[in-house]
Amino acid sequence: MPDADAASLAEDLALISAAAIEAGRIALGFFGNNPRAWTKGGDSPVTEADIASDRSLHAALTAARPSYGWLSEESADTPERLGRSRVFVVDPIDGTRGFMEGNIDWCVSVGIVEKGRPRVGVLFAPARQELFEATRGGGARLNGATIASSRPAEGAALHFAGPLRHMRALSGAGFEVADRRVTPSLAYRLALVAAGRIDIATASGDARDWDLAAADLLVHEAGGTLCDAEGAPIRYNRPDPRHPALIAASPKLAAEAVGPVAGAEAAAALLRRS
């Protein structure tokens, strides 16, 4: 007898993959063409490409799954999503600053969260033609090929992506850092861990659900982990979508990095208060 949940996961994945690819196609039409831009919430940029991508995703996804909730960076948030068992968590363009500057490391991020954790997730990087997909318990893939996070040997030089203060804290704690990858998209940064291109990625506090949900599933299904700077797992679809500092790596490396990264965050918080 077919597994009903596996079929449901596959159907949800097919839906969000198609929607992400179409939204990416729309956004790519604006890329490099000086899209109209403005700021929101202080200094956070948004462009007409973000809005067009968001509208495409909302129309396709909510029409197909009207019972699912909705949380997007570019849509007004309401408490209504908190009462839904499954919720679309969407970033129509993750890495908007880089998008505006012509950097190709931006992506469309779409996840479906169930009971606080992602069940399916897709990242589509149109300028790179890379499609990352994952289902809960079904592994992670890049353009159809299975991917796995790295398992660096003890004492190996690490390929790192994240804030400079975290890299310095890791180096000060005895980790050897070979290089530091800079990418404007947090979701894509985490996908690099899932693909084994980066050994460890970190993020400062204040990432939101839409930055993380799809990439979180990719990392876990590729054999890695995403946790906060205290080592705790990430939960989604809470009233406040913000998160503290984060670490993505193999489970062993993430556990070893918790102390240095937490220390760097504590020092930064102390400086902000002084």
C-alpha atoms as a PDB file:
ATOM      1  CA  MET A   1       0.000   0.000   0.000  1.00  0.00           C
ATOM      2  CA  PRO A   2       1.477   3.433  -0.896  1.00  0.00           C
ATOM      3  CA  ASP A   3       2.661   5.640   1.950  1.00  0.00           C
ATOM      4  CA  ALA A   4       0.111   8.471   2.031  1.00  0.00           C
ATOM      5  CA  ASP A   5       2.432  10.885   3.807  1.00  0.00           C
ATOM      6  CA  ALA A   6       5.261  10.201   1.357  1.00  0.00           C
ATOM      7  CA  ALA A   7       2.859  10.931  -1.504  1.00  0.00           C
ATOM      8  CA  SER A   8       1.758  14.137   0.227  1.00  0.00           C
ATOM      9  CA  LEU A   9       5.366  15.212   0.713  1.00  0.00           C
ATOM     10  CA  ALA A  10       6.121  14.544  -2.951  1.00  0.00           C
ATOM     11  CA  GLU A  11       3.067  16.538  -4.051  1.00  0.00           C
ATOM     12  CA  ASP A  12       3.981  19.466  -1.814  1.00  0.00           C
ATOM     13  CA  LEU A  13       7.558  19.388  -3.090  1.00  0.00           C
ATOM     14  CA  ALA A  14       6.437  19.383  -6.719  1.00  0.00           C
ATOM     15  CA  LEU A  15       4.155  22.334  -5.987  1.00  0.00           C
ATOM     16  CA  ILE A  16       6.721  24.529  -4.282  1.00  0.00           C
ATOM     17  CA  SER A  17       9.487  23.624  -6.737  1.00  0.00           C
ATOM     18  CA  ALA A  18       7.374  24.734  -9.680  1.00  0.00           C
ATOM     19  CA  ALA A  19       6.329  27.900  -7.870  1.00  0.00           C
ATOM     20  CA  ALA A  20       9.916  28.754  -6.886  1.00  0.00           C
ATOM     21  CA  ILE A  21      11.181  28.230 -10.438  1.00  0.00           C
ATOM     22  CA  GLU A  22       8.476  30.499 -11.857  1.00  0.00           C
ATOM     23  CA  ALA A  23       9.114  33.163  -9.198  1.00  0.00           C
ATOM     24  CA  GLY A  24      12.835  32.928  -9.939  1.00  0.00           C
ATOM     25  CA  ARG A  25      12.157  33.370 -13.638  1.00  0.00           C
ATOM     26  CA  ILE A  26      10.199  36.538 -12.870  1.00  0.00           C
ATOM     27  CA  ALA A  27      12.916  37.907 -10.566  1.00  0.00           C
ATOM     28  CA  LEU A  28      15.639  37.091 -13.078  1.00  0.00           C
ATOM     29  CA  GLY A  29      13.893  39.360 -15.576  1.00  0.00           C
ATOM     30  CA  PHE A  30      14.647  42.298 -13.255  1.00  0.00           C
ATOM     31  CA  PHE A  31      18.200  41.203 -12.408  1.00  0.00           C
ATOM     32  CA  GLY A  32      20.801  43.582 -13.768  1.00  0.00           C
ATOM     33  CA  ASN A  33      18.105  45.933 -15.070  1.00  0.00           C
ATOM     34  CA  ASN A  34      18.127  48.491 -12.252  1.00  0.00           C
ATOM     35  CA  PRO A  35      14.764  47.573 -10.676  1.00  0.00           C
ATOM     36  CA  ARG A  36      12.912  50.209  -8.695  1.00  0.00           C
ATOM     37  CA  ALA A  37      13.916  49.938  -5.017  1.00  0.00           C
ATOM     38  CA  TRP A  38      13.021  51.432  -1.659  1.00  0.00           C
ATOM     39  CA  THR A  39      13.584  50.691   2.026  1.00  0.00           C
ATOM     40  CA  LYS A  40      11.358  49.222   4.704  1.00  0.00           C
ATOM     41  CA  GLY A  41      11.685  48.826   8.447  1.00  0.00           C
ATOM     42  CA  GLY A  42      14.668  51.165   8.709  1.00  0.00           C
ATOM     43  CA  ASP A  43      17.334  50.227   6.175  1.00  0.00           C
ATOM     44  CA  SER A  44      16.113  46.900   4.765  1.00  0.00           C
ATOM     45  CA  PRO A  45      15.921  47.121   0.961  1.00  0.00           C
ATOM     46  CA  VAL A  46      13.109  45.828  -1.222  1.00  0.00           C
ATOM     47  CA  THR A  47      12.701  45.994  -4.990  1.00  0.00           C
ATOM     48  CA  GLU A  48       9.887  45.617  -7.467  1.00  0.00           C
ATOM     49  CA  ALA A  49      11.400  42.204  -8.232  1.00  0.00           C
ATOM     50  CA  ASP A  50      10.795  41.068  -4.623  1.00  0.00           C
ATOM     51  CA  ILE A  51       7.166  42.131  -4.856  1.00  0.00           C
ATOM     52  CA  ALA A  52       6.576  40.516  -8.256  1.00  0.00           C
ATOM     53  CA  SER A  53       8.143  37.266  -7.058  1.00  0.00           C
ATOM     54  CA  ASP A  54       6.085  37.339  -3.858  1.00  0.00           C
ATOM     55  CA  ARG A  55       2.834  37.872  -5.751  1.00  0.00           C
ATOM     56  CA  SER A  56       3.599  34.966  -8.063  1.00  0.00           C
ATOM     57  CA  LEU A  57       4.347  32.653  -5.128  1.00  0.00           C
ATOM     58  CA  HIS A  58       1.281  33.724  -3.157  1.00  0.00           C
ATOM     59  CA  ALA A  59      -1.057  33.226  -6.109  1.00  0.00           C
ATOM     60  CA  ALA A  60       0.291  29.781  -7.019  1.00  0.00           C
ATOM     61  CA  LEU A  61       0.678  28.369  -3.520  1.00  0.00           C
ATOM     62  CA  THR A  62      -2.416  29.616  -1.725  1.00  0.00           C
ATOM     63  CA  ALA A  63      -4.651  28.632  -4.645  1.00  0.00           C
ATOM     64  CA  ALA A  64      -3.273  25.076  -4.557  1.00  0.00           C
ATOM     65  CA  ARG A  65      -3.313  24.733  -0.745  1.00  0.00           C
ATOM     66  CA  PRO A  66      -5.957  27.124   0.661  1.00  0.00           C
ATOM     67  CA  SER A  67      -5.832  25.428   4.078  1.00  0.00           C
ATOM     68  CA  TYR A  68      -2.131  26.251   4.564  1.00  0.00           C
ATOM     69  CA  GLY A  69      -1.034  29.402   6.363  1.00  0.00           C
ATOM     70  CA  TRP A  70       1.243  32.045   4.861  1.00  0.00           C
ATOM     71  CA  LEU A  71       4.380  33.824   6.124  1.00  0.00           C
ATOM     72  CA  SER A  72       6.498  35.846   3.724  1.00  0.00           C
ATOM     73  CA  GLU A  73       9.092  38.571   4.088  1.00  0.00           C
ATOM     74  CA  GLU A  74       7.154  40.728   1.638  1.00  0.00           C
ATOM     75  CA  SER A  75       3.604  40.154   2.929  1.00  0.00           C
ATOM     76  CA  ALA A  76       1.907  41.596   5.995  1.00  0.00           C
ATOM     77  CA  ASP A  77       2.065  39.062   8.816  1.00  0.00           C
ATOM     78  CA  THR A  78      -1.087  38.148  10.753  1.00  0.00           C
ATOM     79  CA  PRO A  79      -1.777  35.800  13.692  1.00  0.00           C
ATOM     80  CA  GLU A  80      -3.984  33.699  11.385  1.00  0.00           C
ATOM     81  CA  ARG A  81      -1.026  31.479  10.418  1.00  0.00           C
ATOM     82  CA  LEU A  82      -0.536  30.391  14.030  1.00  0.00           C
ATOM     83  CA  GLY A  83      -3.735  28.350  13.907  1.00  0.00           C
ATOM     84  CA  ARG A  84      -2.793  26.454  10.732  1.00  0.00           C
ATOM     85  CA  SER A  85      -1.175  23.019  10.928  1.00  0.00           C
ATOM     86  CA  ARG A  86       0.918  23.709   7.823  1.00  0.00           C
ATOM     87  CA  VAL A  87       2.341  27.053   6.771  1.00  0.00           C
ATOM     88  CA  PHE A  88       4.132  28.300   3.658  1.00  0.00           C
ATOM     89  CA  VAL A  89       7.286  30.162   4.730  1.00  0.00           C
ATOM     90  CA  VAL A  90       8.594  32.239   1.847  1.00  0.00           C
ATOM     91  CA  ASP A  91      11.373  34.635   0.946  1.00  0.00           C
ATOM     92  CA  PRO A  92      10.748  35.777  -2.650  1.00  0.00           C
ATOM     93  CA  ILE A  93      14.354  36.999  -2.979  1.00  0.00           C
ATOM     94  CA  ASP A  94      16.806  36.099  -0.233  1.00  0.00           C
ATOM     95  CA  GLY A  95      19.852  38.319  -0.701  1.00  0.00           C
ATOM     96  CA  THR A  96      18.146  41.462  -2.010  1.00  0.00           C
ATOM     97  CA  ARG A  97      21.178  43.688  -1.396  1.00  0.00           C
ATOM     98  CA  GLY A  98      23.352  41.388  -3.477  1.00  0.00           C
ATOM     99  CA  PHE A  99      20.619  41.153  -6.113  1.00  0.00           C
ATOM    100  CA  MET A 100      20.664  44.948  -6.425  1.00  0.00           C
ATOM    101  CA  GLU A 101      24.470  44.954  -6.720  1.00  0.00           C
ATOM    102  CA  GLY A 102      24.578  42.253  -9.402  1.00  0.00           C
ATOM    103  CA  ASN A 103      25.811  39.433  -7.125  1.00  0.00           C
ATOM    104  CA  ILE A 104      24.492  36.074  -8.382  1.00  0.00           C
ATOM    105  CA  ASP A 105      24.235  34.497  -4.889  1.00  0.00           C
ATOM    106  CA  TRP A 106      20.516  35.178  -4.373  1.00  0.00           C
ATOM    107  CA  CYS A 107      17.660  32.722  -4.296  1.00  0.00           C
ATOM    108  CA  VAL A 108      13.945  32.132  -3.939  1.00  0.00           C
ATOM    109  CA  SER A 109      13.268  30.265  -0.691  1.00  0.00           C
ATOM    110  CA  VAL A 110      10.053  28.292  -0.117  1.00  0.00           C
ATOM    111  CA  GLY A 111       9.362  25.927   2.746  1.00  0.00           C
ATOM    112  CA  ILE A 112       6.324  24.306   4.309  1.00  0.00           C
ATOM    113  CA  VAL A 113       6.427  24.133   8.097  1.00  0.00           C
ATOM    114  CA  GLU A 114       4.416  21.636  10.128  1.00  0.00           C
ATOM    115  CA  LYS A 115       4.356  21.621  13.948  1.00  0.00           C
ATOM    116  CA  GLY A 116       7.289  23.997  14.150  1.00  0.00           C
ATOM    117  CA  ARG A 117       9.607  22.162  11.748  1.00  0.00           C
ATOM    118  CA  PRO A 118       9.986  22.168   7.942  1.00  0.00           C
ATOM    119  CA  ARG A 119       8.489  19.223   6.023  1.00  0.00           C
ATOM    120  CA  VAL A 120       9.533  20.260   2.498  1.00  0.00           C
ATOM    121  CA  GLY A 121      11.911  22.961   1.300  1.00  0.00           C
ATOM    122  CA  VAL A 122      13.182  24.434  -1.945  1.00  0.00           C
ATOM    123  CA  LEU A 123      15.834  27.028  -2.771  1.00  0.00           C
ATOM    124  CA  PHE A 124      16.126  28.159  -6.368  1.00  0.00           C
ATOM    125  CA  ALA A 125      19.122  30.305  -7.363  1.00  0.00           C
ATOM    126  CA  PRO A 126      18.110  31.445 -10.876  1.00  0.00           C
ATOM    127  CA  ALA A 127      21.328  33.249 -11.768  1.00  0.00           C
ATOM    128  CA  ARG A 128      23.220  30.021 -10.990  1.00  0.00           C
ATOM    129  CA  GLN A 129      20.510  27.675 -12.288  1.00  0.00           C
ATOM    130  CA  GLU A 130      20.689  25.698  -9.052  1.00  0.00           C
ATOM    131  CA  LEU A 131      17.612  24.044  -7.584  1.00  0.00           C
ATOM    132  CA  PHE A 132      17.974  22.660  -4.059  1.00  0.00           C
ATOM    133  CA  GLU A 133      15.142  20.400  -2.836  1.00  0.00           C
ATOM    134  CA  ALA A 134      14.480  18.428   0.349  1.00  0.00           C
ATOM    135  CA  THR A 135      11.673  16.447   1.934  1.00  0.00           C
ATOM    136  CA  ARG A 136      11.501  15.336   5.544  1.00  0.00           C
ATOM    137  CA  GLY A 137      13.145  11.932   5.703  1.00  0.00           C
ATOM    138  CA  GLY A 138      13.754  11.915   1.961  1.00  0.00           C
ATOM    139  CA  GLY A 139      17.217  13.457   1.660  1.00  0.00           C
ATOM    140  CA  ALA A 140      18.434  16.602  -0.083  1.00  0.00           C
ATOM    141  CA  ARG A 141      19.218  17.160  -3.750  1.00  0.00           C
ATOM    142  CA  LEU A 142      20.832  19.752  -6.001  1.00  0.00           C
ATOM    143  CA  ASN A 143      19.544  19.705  -9.581  1.00  0.00           C
ATOM    144  CA  GLY A 144      18.331  16.182  -8.948  1.00  0.00           C
ATOM    145  CA  ALA A 145      21.592  14.769  -7.519  1.00  0.00           C
ATOM    146  CA  THR A 146      21.842  13.745  -3.859  1.00  0.00           C
ATOM    147  CA  ILE A 147      23.995  16.049  -1.722  1.00  0.00           C
ATOM    148  CA  ALA A 148      25.670  15.576   1.655  1.00  0.00           C
ATOM    149  CA  SER A 149      27.221  17.953   4.138  1.00  0.00           C
ATOM    150  CA  SER A 150      30.948  17.674   4.805  1.00  0.00           C
ATOM    151  CA  ARG A 151      32.504  15.747   7.692  1.00  0.00           C
ATOM    152  CA  PRO A 152      35.866  17.482   8.125  1.00  0.00           C
ATOM    153  CA  ALA A 153      38.592  15.471   9.820  1.00  0.00           C
ATOM    154  CA  GLU A 154      39.778  16.481  13.275  1.00  0.00           C
ATOM    155  CA  GLY A 155      42.028  19.534  12.938  1.00  0.00           C
ATOM    156  CA  ALA A 156      41.301  20.009   9.232  1.00  0.00           C
ATOM    157  CA  ALA A 157      41.267  23.539   7.832  1.00  0.00           C
ATOM    158  CA  LEU A 158      37.647  24.643   7.588  1.00  0.00           C
ATOM    159  CA  HIS A 159      35.851  26.387   4.760  1.00  0.00           C
ATOM    160  CA  PHE A 160      33.771  29.007   6.570  1.00  0.00           C
ATOM    161  CA  ALA A 161      30.954  31.423   5.738  1.00  0.00           C
ATOM    162  CA  GLY A 162      29.634  33.953   8.217  1.00  0.00           C
ATOM    163  CA  PRO A 163      30.438  37.057  10.237  1.00  0.00           C
ATOM    164  CA  LEU A 164      34.091  37.967  10.681  1.00  0.00           C
ATOM    165  CA  ARG A 165      33.765  38.008  14.483  1.00  0.00           C
ATOM    166  CA  HIS A 166      32.624  34.376  14.432  1.00  0.00           C
ATOM    167  CA  MET A 167      35.582  33.394  12.269  1.00  0.00           C
ATOM    168  CA  ARG A 168      37.955  35.148  14.663  1.00  0.00           C
ATOM    169  CA  ALA A 169      36.309  33.460  17.650  1.00  0.00           C
ATOM    170  CA  LEU A 170      36.698  30.034  16.041  1.00  0.00           C
ATOM    171  CA  SER A 171      40.325  30.742  15.173  1.00  0.00           C
ATOM    172  CA  GLY A 172      40.959  31.912  18.734  1.00  0.00           C
ATOM    173  CA  ALA A 173      39.473  28.653  20.044  1.00  0.00           C
ATOM    174  CA  GLY A 174      41.934  26.575  18.024  1.00  0.00           C
ATOM    175  CA  PHE A 175      39.983  25.907  14.828  1.00  0.00           C
ATOM    176  CA  GLU A 176      41.956  26.332  11.624  1.00  0.00           C
ATOM    177  CA  VAL A 177      39.953  28.361   9.123  1.00  0.00           C
ATOM    178  CA  ALA A 178      41.144  27.978   5.541  1.00  0.00           C
ATOM    179  CA  ASP A 179      39.002  30.695   3.964  1.00  0.00           C
ATOM    180  CA  ARG A 180      35.852  32.764   4.406  1.00  0.00           C
ATOM    181  CA  ARG A 181      33.079  32.752   1.819  1.00  0.00           C
ATOM    182  CA  VAL A 182      30.999  35.937   1.648  1.00  0.00           C
ATOM    183  CA  THR A 183      27.491  35.623   0.214  1.00  0.00           C
ATOM    184  CA  PRO A 184      24.604  38.101   0.606  1.00  0.00           C
ATOM    185  CA  SER A 185      21.954  35.384   0.972  1.00  0.00           C
ATOM    186  CA  LEU A 186      21.745  33.580   4.305  1.00  0.00           C
ATOM    187  CA  ALA A 187      19.594  30.830   2.795  1.00  0.00           C
ATOM    188  CA  TYR A 188      22.158  30.212   0.065  1.00  0.00           C
ATOM    189  CA  ARG A 189      24.969  30.273   2.652  1.00  0.00           C
ATOM    190  CA  LEU A 190      23.247  27.438   4.502  1.00  0.00           C
ATOM    191  CA  ALA A 191      22.631  25.563   1.247  1.00  0.00           C
ATOM    192  CA  LEU A 192      26.392  25.599   0.679  1.00  0.00           C
ATOM    193  CA  VAL A 193      26.730  23.629   3.924  1.00  0.00           C
ATOM    194  CA  ALA A 194      24.125  21.135   2.718  1.00  0.00           C
ATOM    195  CA  ALA A 195      26.034  20.740  -0.551  1.00  0.00           C
ATOM    196  CA  GLY A 196      29.354  20.161   1.236  1.00  0.00           C
ATOM    197  CA  ARG A 197      30.937  23.273  -0.306  1.00  0.00           C
ATOM    198  CA  ILE A 198      31.259  24.961   3.093  1.00  0.00           C
ATOM    199  CA  ASP A 199      32.162  23.104   6.290  1.00  0.00           C
ATOM    200  CA  ILE A 200      30.567  25.565   8.702  1.00  0.00           C
ATOM    201  CA  ALA A 201      28.319  28.599   8.300  1.00  0.00           C
ATOM    202  CA  THR A 202      27.172  30.982  11.001  1.00  0.00           C
ATOM    203  CA  ALA A 203      24.813  33.938  11.197  1.00  0.00           C
ATOM    204  CA  SER A 204      24.317  36.857  13.546  1.00  0.00           C
ATOM    205  CA  GLY A 205      21.081  37.171  15.459  1.00  0.00           C
ATOM    206  CA  ASP A 206      17.863  38.497  13.876  1.00  0.00           C
ATOM    207  CA  ALA A 207      17.455  36.037  11.003  1.00  0.00           C
ATOM    208  CA  ARG A 208      13.781  35.336  10.321  1.00  0.00           C
ATOM    209  CA  ASP A 209      11.770  32.206   9.581  1.00  0.00           C
ATOM    210  CA  TRP A 210      11.742  32.993   5.853  1.00  0.00           C
ATOM    211  CA  ASP A 211      15.557  33.102   5.741  1.00  0.00           C
ATOM    212  CA  LEU A 212      15.866  29.686   7.337  1.00  0.00           C
ATOM    213  CA  ALA A 213      13.001  27.218   7.023  1.00  0.00           C
ATOM    214  CA  ALA A 214      13.799  25.716   3.606  1.00  0.00           C
ATOM    215  CA  ALA A 215      17.569  25.835   4.133  1.00  0.00           C
ATOM    216  CA  ASP A 216      17.233  24.248   7.582  1.00  0.00           C
ATOM    217  CA  LEU A 217      15.612  21.167   6.048  1.00  0.00           C
ATOM    218  CA  LEU A 218      18.277  21.012   3.325  1.00  0.00           C
ATOM    219  CA  VAL A 219      21.053  21.007   5.924  1.00  0.00           C
ATOM    220  CA  HIS A 220      19.432  18.336   8.087  1.00  0.00           C
ATOM    221  CA  GLU A 221      18.493  16.064   5.201  1.00  0.00           C
ATOM    222  CA  ALA A 222      22.078  16.351   3.924  1.00  0.00           C
ATOM    223  CA  GLY A 223      23.318  15.009   7.274  1.00  0.00           C
ATOM    224  CA  GLY A 224      24.191  18.302   8.939  1.00  0.00           C
ATOM    225  CA  THR A 225      22.498  20.364  11.612  1.00  0.00           C
ATOM    226  CA  LEU A 226      21.308  23.929  12.108  1.00  0.00           C
ATOM    227  CA  CYS A 227      21.143  25.144  15.688  1.00  0.00           C
ATOM    228  CA  ASP A 228      21.292  28.383  17.606  1.00  0.00           C
ATOM    229  CA  ALA A 229      24.464  29.577  19.318  1.00  0.00           C
ATOM    230  CA  GLU A 230      23.472  27.670  22.458  1.00  0.00           C
ATOM    231  CA  GLY A 231      23.090  24.399  20.529  1.00  0.00           C
ATOM    232  CA  ALA A 232      19.269  24.362  20.535  1.00  0.00           C
ATOM    233  CA  PRO A 233      17.234  23.381  17.457  1.00  0.00           C
ATOM    234  CA  ILE A 234      15.258  25.989  15.535  1.00  0.00           C
ATOM    235  CA  ARG A 235      11.459  26.188  15.783  1.00  0.00           C
ATOM    236  CA  TYR A 236       9.224  27.915  13.237  1.00  0.00           C
ATOM    237  CA  ASN A 237       5.802  29.525  12.986  1.00  0.00           C
ATOM    238  CA  ARG A 238       5.962  31.154  16.395  1.00  0.00           C
ATOM    239  CA  PRO A 239       4.423  34.603  17.004  1.00  0.00           C
ATOM    240  CA  ASP A 240       7.878  36.196  16.648  1.00  0.00           C
ATOM    241  CA  PRO A 241       9.732  34.924  13.553  1.00  0.00           C
ATOM    242  CA  ARG A 242      13.129  36.219  14.702  1.00  0.00           C
ATOM    243  CA  HIS A 243      16.007  33.947  15.721  1.00  0.00           C
ATOM    244  CA  PRO A 244      19.287  34.321  17.650  1.00  0.00           C
ATOM    245  CA  ALA A 245      22.756  33.638  16.224  1.00  0.00           C
ATOM    246  CA  LEU A 246      23.012  30.378  14.290  1.00  0.00           C
ATOM    247  CA  ILE A 247      25.464  27.607  13.381  1.00  0.00           C
ATOM    248  CA  ALA A 248      25.194  25.140  10.478  1.00  0.00           C
ATOM    249  CA  ALA A 249      27.703  22.286  10.144  1.00  0.00           C
ATOM    250  CA  SER A 250      28.065  18.576  10.811  1.00  0.00           C
ATOM    251  CA  PRO A 251      26.542  17.741  14.224  1.00  0.00           C
ATOM    252  CA  LYS A 252      29.996  17.206  15.762  1.00  0.00           C
ATOM    253  CA  LEU A 253      31.487  20.419  14.400  1.00  0.00           C
ATOM    254  CA  ALA A 254      28.405  22.461  15.311  1.00  0.00           C
ATOM    255  CA  ALA A 255      28.577  21.223  18.907  1.00  0.00           C
ATOM    256  CA  GLU A 256      32.266  22.164  19.098  1.00  0.00           C
ATOM    257  CA  ALA A 257      31.576  25.626  17.640  1.00  0.00           C
ATOM    258  CA  VAL A 258      28.813  26.528  20.106  1.00  0.00           C
ATOM    259  CA  GLY A 259      31.174  27.884  22.787  1.00  0.00           C
ATOM    260  CA  PRO A 260      33.228  30.205  20.544  1.00  0.00           C
ATOM    261  CA  VAL A 261      30.217  31.531  18.618  1.00  0.00           C
ATOM    262  CA  ALA A 262      28.157  32.095  21.778  1.00  0.00           C
ATOM    263  CA  GLY A 263      31.139  33.882  23.310  1.00  0.00           C
ATOM    264  CA  ALA A 264      31.480  36.150  20.285  1.00  0.00           C
ATOM    265  CA  GLU A 265      27.782  37.008  20.453  1.00  0.00           C
ATOM    266  CA  ALA A 266      27.966  37.764  24.177  1.00  0.00           C
ATOM    267  CA  ALA A 267      30.952  40.060  23.618  1.00  0.00           C
ATOM    268  CA  ALA A 268      29.140  41.853  20.776  1.00  0.00           C
ATOM    269  CA  ALA A 269      26.046  42.345  22.948  1.00  0.00           C
ATOM    270  CA  LEU A 270      28.198  43.786  25.738  1.00  0.00           C
ATOM    271  CA  LEU A 271      29.760  46.262  23.325  1.00  0.00           C
ATOM    272  CA  ARG A 272      26.337  47.361  22.062  1.00  0.00           C
ATOM    273  CA  ARG A 273      25.208  48.083  25.641  1.00  0.00           C
ATOM    274  CA  SER A 274      28.347  50.012  26.600  1.00  0.00           C
END
